[in-house]
Amino acid sequence: MSTLPTSATSDAQQQNSHLAASGPAAPATPAPLTPQDVLADGQEQAEFNGVLVRKGSIAAFIGNAKALENLEPGTSEHEAVAQQIRDLKPALDALELFDVVEIRNPDVAALLASGPR
């Protein structure tokens, strides 16, 4: 399932589509994606698999996961970061991040497993 917003297609993808339509029936080779294929310059968010996802969601998740390693469990700081990780989970699921990335930090994995997918 493609997570690319329907409005975001690159020139290369359009060219591949054009070539496939006019040439013999050969399997289409997907064009590499660039960040601007996913979100155009100036675009702050897009819908992926029915979920509105803000730009920076993956970077925020990584930053929070790394911060969690340095926080004492049970503190308000730890809980705030843990909650942010839980809040980001629907966006990360919509992006299908966990279909290609395995979380190695057991505390972060437990936080992600505790919510609905």
N, C-alpha and C. Protein backbone atom coordinates (compact mmCIF):
# COMPACT_ATOMS: atom_id res chain seq x y z
N MET A 1 0.86 -1.17 0.00
CA MET A 1 0.00 0.00 0.00
C MET A 1 0.90 1.23 0.00
N SER A 2 0.62 2.14 -0.91
CA SER A 2 1.44 3.34 -1.02
C SER A 2 0.98 4.38 -0.02
N THR A 3 1.94 5.01 0.65
CA THR A 3 1.59 6.04 1.61
C THR A 3 1.76 7.43 1.04
N LEU A 4 2.20 7.54 -0.20
CA LEU A 4 2.40 8.83 -0.82
C LEU A 4 1.05 9.50 -1.05
N PRO A 5 0.88 10.75 -0.64
CA PRO A 5 -0.40 11.41 -0.88
C PRO A 5 -0.71 11.42 -2.38
N THR A 6 -1.97 11.30 -2.71
CA THR A 6 -2.34 11.22 -4.12
C THR A 6 -1.95 12.47 -4.89
N SER A 7 -1.84 13.61 -4.24
CA SER A 7 -1.48 14.84 -4.93
C SER A 7 0.02 14.97 -5.14
N ALA A 8 0.82 14.11 -4.52
CA ALA A 8 2.27 14.23 -4.60
C ALA A 8 2.84 13.18 -5.53
N THR A 9 3.15 13.57 -6.75
CA THR A 9 3.82 12.68 -7.68
C THR A 9 4.95 13.44 -8.33
N SER A 10 6.06 12.77 -8.48
CA SER A 10 7.23 13.43 -9.05
C SER A 10 7.17 13.39 -10.57
N ASP A 11 7.99 14.24 -11.18
CA ASP A 11 8.11 14.21 -12.63
C ASP A 11 8.55 12.83 -13.10
N ALA A 12 9.50 12.24 -12.36
CA ALA A 12 9.99 10.91 -12.74
C ALA A 12 8.87 9.89 -12.67
N GLN A 13 8.03 9.96 -11.64
CA GLN A 13 6.92 9.03 -11.54
C GLN A 13 5.93 9.24 -12.69
N GLN A 14 5.67 10.50 -13.03
CA GLN A 14 4.76 10.79 -14.13
C GLN A 14 5.36 10.29 -15.44
N GLN A 15 6.66 10.45 -15.63
CA GLN A 15 7.31 9.96 -16.84
C GLN A 15 7.24 8.44 -16.89
N ASN A 16 7.49 7.78 -15.76
CA ASN A 16 7.39 6.32 -15.73
C ASN A 16 5.98 5.88 -16.09
N SER A 17 4.99 6.58 -15.58
CA SER A 17 3.61 6.25 -15.88
C SER A 17 3.33 6.43 -17.37
N HIS A 18 3.82 7.51 -17.95
CA HIS A 18 3.63 7.79 -19.37
C HIS A 18 4.30 6.71 -20.21
N LEU A 19 5.53 6.32 -19.84
CA LEU A 19 6.25 5.31 -20.59
C LEU A 19 5.54 3.97 -20.52
N ALA A 20 5.03 3.63 -19.36
CA ALA A 20 4.34 2.36 -19.22
C ALA A 20 3.07 2.33 -20.05
N ALA A 21 2.40 3.48 -20.18
CA ALA A 21 1.15 3.52 -20.93
C ALA A 21 1.40 3.43 -22.42
N SER A 22 2.52 3.97 -22.92
CA SER A 22 2.75 4.02 -24.36
C SER A 22 3.61 2.87 -24.87
N GLY A 23 4.31 2.18 -24.00
CA GLY A 23 5.20 1.11 -24.43
C GLY A 23 4.60 -0.25 -24.19
N PRO A 24 5.40 -1.28 -24.45
CA PRO A 24 4.91 -2.64 -24.18
C PRO A 24 4.65 -2.84 -22.70
N ALA A 25 3.84 -3.82 -22.40
CA ALA A 25 3.45 -4.10 -21.01
C ALA A 25 4.62 -4.68 -20.24
N ALA A 26 5.42 -3.80 -19.65
CA ALA A 26 6.54 -4.21 -18.81
C ALA A 26 6.27 -3.72 -17.41
N PRO A 27 6.79 -4.44 -16.41
CA PRO A 27 6.58 -3.97 -15.04
C PRO A 27 7.15 -2.57 -14.86
N ALA A 28 6.38 -1.71 -14.25
CA ALA A 28 6.82 -0.34 -14.01
C ALA A 28 7.89 -0.34 -12.93
N THR A 29 8.94 0.43 -13.15
CA THR A 29 9.99 0.59 -12.16
C THR A 29 9.69 1.86 -11.39
N PRO A 30 9.48 1.74 -10.07
CA PRO A 30 9.17 2.95 -9.31
C PRO A 30 10.37 3.91 -9.30
N ALA A 31 10.05 5.17 -9.42
CA ALA A 31 11.09 6.20 -9.34
C ALA A 31 11.45 6.43 -7.88
N PRO A 32 12.70 6.79 -7.61
CA PRO A 32 13.06 7.10 -6.22
C PRO A 32 12.25 8.29 -5.72
N LEU A 33 11.89 8.27 -4.45
CA LEU A 33 11.15 9.38 -3.84
C LEU A 33 12.12 10.37 -3.24
N THR A 34 11.81 11.62 -3.37
CA THR A 34 12.55 12.68 -2.71
C THR A 34 11.63 13.30 -1.66
N PRO A 35 12.18 14.00 -0.68
CA PRO A 35 11.30 14.63 0.32
C PRO A 35 10.24 15.54 -0.31
N GLN A 36 10.60 16.27 -1.37
CA GLN A 36 9.61 17.16 -1.98
C GLN A 36 8.53 16.39 -2.74
N ASP A 37 8.76 15.11 -3.08
CA ASP A 37 7.70 14.29 -3.66
C ASP A 37 6.61 14.01 -2.62
N VAL A 38 7.03 13.90 -1.37
CA VAL A 38 6.10 13.57 -0.30
C VAL A 38 5.39 14.81 0.21
N LEU A 39 6.15 15.88 0.49
CA LEU A 39 5.59 17.16 0.90
C LEU A 39 6.28 18.25 0.08
N ALA A 40 5.50 18.98 -0.66
CA ALA A 40 6.06 20.07 -1.47
C ALA A 40 6.62 21.16 -0.56
N ASP A 41 7.55 21.93 -1.09
CA ASP A 41 8.09 23.06 -0.32
C ASP A 41 6.93 23.92 0.18
N GLY A 42 6.95 24.24 1.45
CA GLY A 42 5.91 25.07 2.05
C GLY A 42 4.71 24.28 2.56
N GLN A 43 4.61 23.02 2.22
CA GLN A 43 3.50 22.20 2.70
C GLN A 43 3.85 21.66 4.08
N GLU A 44 2.96 21.80 5.03
CA GLU A 44 3.23 21.44 6.42
C GLU A 44 2.67 20.07 6.81
N GLN A 45 1.71 19.57 6.06
CA GLN A 45 1.06 18.31 6.43
C GLN A 45 0.42 17.69 5.20
N ALA A 46 0.12 16.40 5.30
CA ALA A 46 -0.57 15.69 4.24
C ALA A 46 -1.32 14.52 4.88
N GLU A 47 -2.28 14.01 4.16
CA GLU A 47 -3.04 12.87 4.64
C GLU A 47 -2.42 11.59 4.09
N PHE A 48 -2.14 10.66 4.99
CA PHE A 48 -1.60 9.36 4.64
C PHE A 48 -2.52 8.31 5.23
N ASN A 49 -3.04 7.43 4.40
CA ASN A 49 -3.91 6.35 4.87
C ASN A 49 -4.99 6.87 5.82
N GLY A 50 -5.56 8.01 5.48
CA GLY A 50 -6.66 8.57 6.24
C GLY A 50 -6.28 9.34 7.50
N VAL A 51 -4.99 9.54 7.74
CA VAL A 51 -4.52 10.25 8.93
C VAL A 51 -3.75 11.48 8.50
N LEU A 52 -4.09 12.62 9.07
CA LEU A 52 -3.36 13.85 8.78
C LEU A 52 -2.04 13.82 9.54
N VAL A 53 -0.93 13.90 8.79
CA VAL A 53 0.41 13.78 9.38
C VAL A 53 1.16 15.07 9.12
N ARG A 54 1.72 15.63 10.19
CA ARG A 54 2.52 16.85 10.09
C ARG A 54 3.93 16.51 9.66
N LYS A 55 4.52 17.44 8.93
CA LYS A 55 5.94 17.29 8.59
C LYS A 55 6.72 17.33 9.90
N GLY A 56 7.76 16.55 9.99
CA GLY A 56 8.56 16.50 11.21
C GLY A 56 8.15 15.41 12.18
N SER A 57 7.11 14.66 11.87
CA SER A 57 6.63 13.62 12.80
C SER A 57 7.68 12.56 13.06
N ILE A 58 8.37 12.11 12.03
CA ILE A 58 9.37 11.07 12.23
C ILE A 58 10.56 11.63 13.01
N ALA A 59 10.99 12.84 12.67
CA ALA A 59 12.10 13.44 13.41
C ALA A 59 11.72 13.67 14.88
N ALA A 60 10.48 14.07 15.15
CA ALA A 60 10.04 14.25 16.53
C ALA A 60 10.04 12.92 17.27
N PHE A 61 9.59 11.87 16.61
CA PHE A 61 9.60 10.54 17.22
C PHE A 61 11.02 10.12 17.58
N ILE A 62 11.95 10.28 16.64
CA ILE A 62 13.34 9.89 16.90
C ILE A 62 13.91 10.70 18.06
N GLY A 63 13.68 12.00 18.06
CA GLY A 63 14.18 12.85 19.14
C GLY A 63 13.61 12.46 20.48
N ASN A 64 12.33 12.15 20.52
CA ASN A 64 11.71 11.73 21.78
C ASN A 64 12.20 10.36 22.23
N ALA A 65 12.40 9.46 21.29
CA ALA A 65 12.90 8.13 21.63
C ALA A 65 14.30 8.23 22.23
N LYS A 66 15.13 9.07 21.67
CA LYS A 66 16.48 9.26 22.20
C LYS A 66 16.43 9.97 23.56
N ALA A 67 15.54 10.95 23.71
CA ALA A 67 15.42 11.66 24.98
C ALA A 67 14.96 10.73 26.10
N LEU A 68 14.08 9.80 25.77
CA LEU A 68 13.54 8.88 26.77
C LEU A 68 14.66 8.06 27.43
N GLU A 69 15.72 7.77 26.67
CA GLU A 69 16.84 6.99 27.19
C GLU A 69 17.53 7.70 28.36
N ASN A 70 17.44 9.02 28.40
CA ASN A 70 18.15 9.81 29.42
C ASN A 70 17.24 10.34 30.53
N LEU A 71 16.01 9.87 30.57
CA LEU A 71 15.07 10.35 31.58
C LEU A 71 14.73 9.24 32.56
N GLU A 72 14.59 9.61 33.79
CA GLU A 72 14.28 8.67 34.86
C GLU A 72 12.80 8.29 34.80
N PRO A 73 12.51 6.99 34.66
CA PRO A 73 11.10 6.57 34.66
C PRO A 73 10.39 7.05 35.93
N GLY A 74 9.13 7.43 35.76
CA GLY A 74 8.35 7.91 36.89
C GLY A 74 8.38 9.41 37.07
N THR A 75 9.29 10.10 36.37
CA THR A 75 9.34 11.55 36.48
C THR A 75 8.34 12.17 35.51
N SER A 76 7.98 13.41 35.79
CA SER A 76 7.04 14.10 34.90
C SER A 76 7.65 14.30 33.51
N GLU A 77 8.95 14.50 33.45
CA GLU A 77 9.63 14.68 32.16
C GLU A 77 9.54 13.40 31.34
N HIS A 78 9.79 12.27 31.99
CA HIS A 78 9.72 10.98 31.31
C HIS A 78 8.31 10.74 30.79
N GLU A 79 7.32 11.01 31.62
CA GLU A 79 5.93 10.78 31.21
C GLU A 79 5.53 11.70 30.06
N ALA A 80 6.00 12.94 30.06
CA ALA A 80 5.67 13.86 28.97
C ALA A 80 6.24 13.37 27.65
N VAL A 81 7.47 12.89 27.68
CA VAL A 81 8.10 12.38 26.45
C VAL A 81 7.41 11.08 26.03
N ALA A 82 7.12 10.21 26.97
CA ALA A 82 6.43 8.96 26.66
C ALA A 82 5.06 9.23 26.04
N GLN A 83 4.36 10.22 26.57
CA GLN A 83 3.04 10.56 26.02
C GLN A 83 3.17 11.08 24.60
N GLN A 84 4.19 11.87 24.34
CA GLN A 84 4.39 12.38 22.99
C GLN A 84 4.66 11.23 22.02
N ILE A 85 5.42 10.24 22.45
CA ILE A 85 5.66 9.06 21.61
C ILE A 85 4.34 8.34 21.32
N ARG A 86 3.52 8.17 22.35
CA ARG A 86 2.21 7.53 22.15
C ARG A 86 1.34 8.37 21.22
N ASP A 87 1.40 9.70 21.36
CA ASP A 87 0.59 10.58 20.51
C ASP A 87 1.03 10.53 19.04
N LEU A 88 2.31 10.28 18.81
CA LEU A 88 2.83 10.22 17.44
C LEU A 88 2.53 8.88 16.75
N LYS A 89 2.21 7.86 17.51
CA LYS A 89 2.03 6.52 16.96
C LYS A 89 1.03 6.45 15.80
N PRO A 90 -0.15 7.07 15.87
CA PRO A 90 -1.07 6.97 14.72
C PRO A 90 -0.46 7.52 13.42
N ALA A 91 0.29 8.60 13.51
CA ALA A 91 0.93 9.15 12.31
C ALA A 91 1.98 8.19 11.78
N LEU A 92 2.77 7.60 12.67
CA LEU A 92 3.81 6.67 12.25
C LEU A 92 3.22 5.41 11.65
N ASP A 93 2.10 4.96 12.21
CA ASP A 93 1.39 3.82 11.63
C ASP A 93 0.86 4.17 10.24
N ALA A 94 0.30 5.37 10.09
CA ALA A 94 -0.23 5.79 8.79
C ALA A 94 0.87 5.87 7.74
N LEU A 95 2.06 6.24 8.16
CA LEU A 95 3.21 6.30 7.26
C LEU A 95 3.80 4.92 6.99
N GLU A 96 3.31 3.91 7.70
CA GLU A 96 3.78 2.53 7.59
C GLU A 96 5.25 2.40 7.99
N LEU A 97 5.68 3.25 8.92
CA LEU A 97 7.07 3.25 9.37
C LEU A 97 7.48 1.89 9.93
N PHE A 98 6.60 1.29 10.72
CA PHE A 98 6.97 0.06 11.41
C PHE A 98 6.91 -1.17 10.50
N ASP A 99 6.51 -0.97 9.25
CA ASP A 99 6.60 -2.04 8.26
C ASP A 99 8.03 -2.19 7.76
N VAL A 100 8.85 -1.15 7.95
CA VAL A 100 10.22 -1.18 7.44
C VAL A 100 11.27 -0.91 8.50
N VAL A 101 10.86 -0.51 9.70
CA VAL A 101 11.79 -0.17 10.78
C VAL A 101 11.42 -0.96 12.01
N GLU A 102 12.43 -1.54 12.66
CA GLU A 102 12.21 -2.25 13.91
C GLU A 102 12.75 -1.39 15.05
N ILE A 103 11.97 -1.22 16.09
CA ILE A 103 12.37 -0.43 17.25
C ILE A 103 13.22 -1.32 18.16
N ARG A 104 14.47 -0.91 18.39
CA ARG A 104 15.40 -1.70 19.21
C ARG A 104 15.33 -1.34 20.68
N ASN A 105 14.90 -0.12 21.01
CA ASN A 105 14.82 0.28 22.42
C ASN A 105 13.59 -0.38 23.03
N PRO A 106 13.77 -1.27 24.02
CA PRO A 106 12.62 -1.98 24.58
C PRO A 106 11.59 -1.07 25.26
N ASP A 107 12.01 0.03 25.84
CA ASP A 107 11.06 0.96 26.48
C ASP A 107 10.18 1.63 25.43
N VAL A 108 10.79 2.05 24.33
CA VAL A 108 10.02 2.68 23.25
C VAL A 108 9.10 1.64 22.61
N ALA A 109 9.61 0.44 22.39
CA ALA A 109 8.79 -0.62 21.80
C ALA A 109 7.57 -0.92 22.69
N ALA A 110 7.77 -0.93 23.99
CA ALA A 110 6.67 -1.19 24.92
C ALA A 110 5.63 -0.07 24.86
N LEU A 111 6.09 1.19 24.76
CA LEU A 111 5.16 2.31 24.63
C LEU A 111 4.32 2.17 23.36
N LEU A 112 4.95 1.81 22.28
CA LEU A 112 4.25 1.68 21.00
C LEU A 112 3.29 0.50 21.02
N ALA A 113 3.67 -0.58 21.70
CA ALA A 113 2.83 -1.76 21.77
C ALA A 113 1.62 -1.55 22.67
N SER A 114 1.69 -0.59 23.58
CA SER A 114 0.61 -0.40 24.55
C SER A 114 -0.61 0.29 23.95
N GLY A 115 -0.46 0.87 22.76
CA GLY A 115 -1.59 1.58 22.15
C GLY A 115 -2.15 0.80 20.98
N PRO A 116 -3.30 1.24 20.46
CA PRO A 116 -3.90 0.55 19.31
C PRO A 116 -3.06 0.75 18.05
N ARG A 117 -3.12 -0.18 17.17
CA ARG A 117 -2.43 -0.06 15.87
C ARG A 117 -3.41 -0.12 14.75
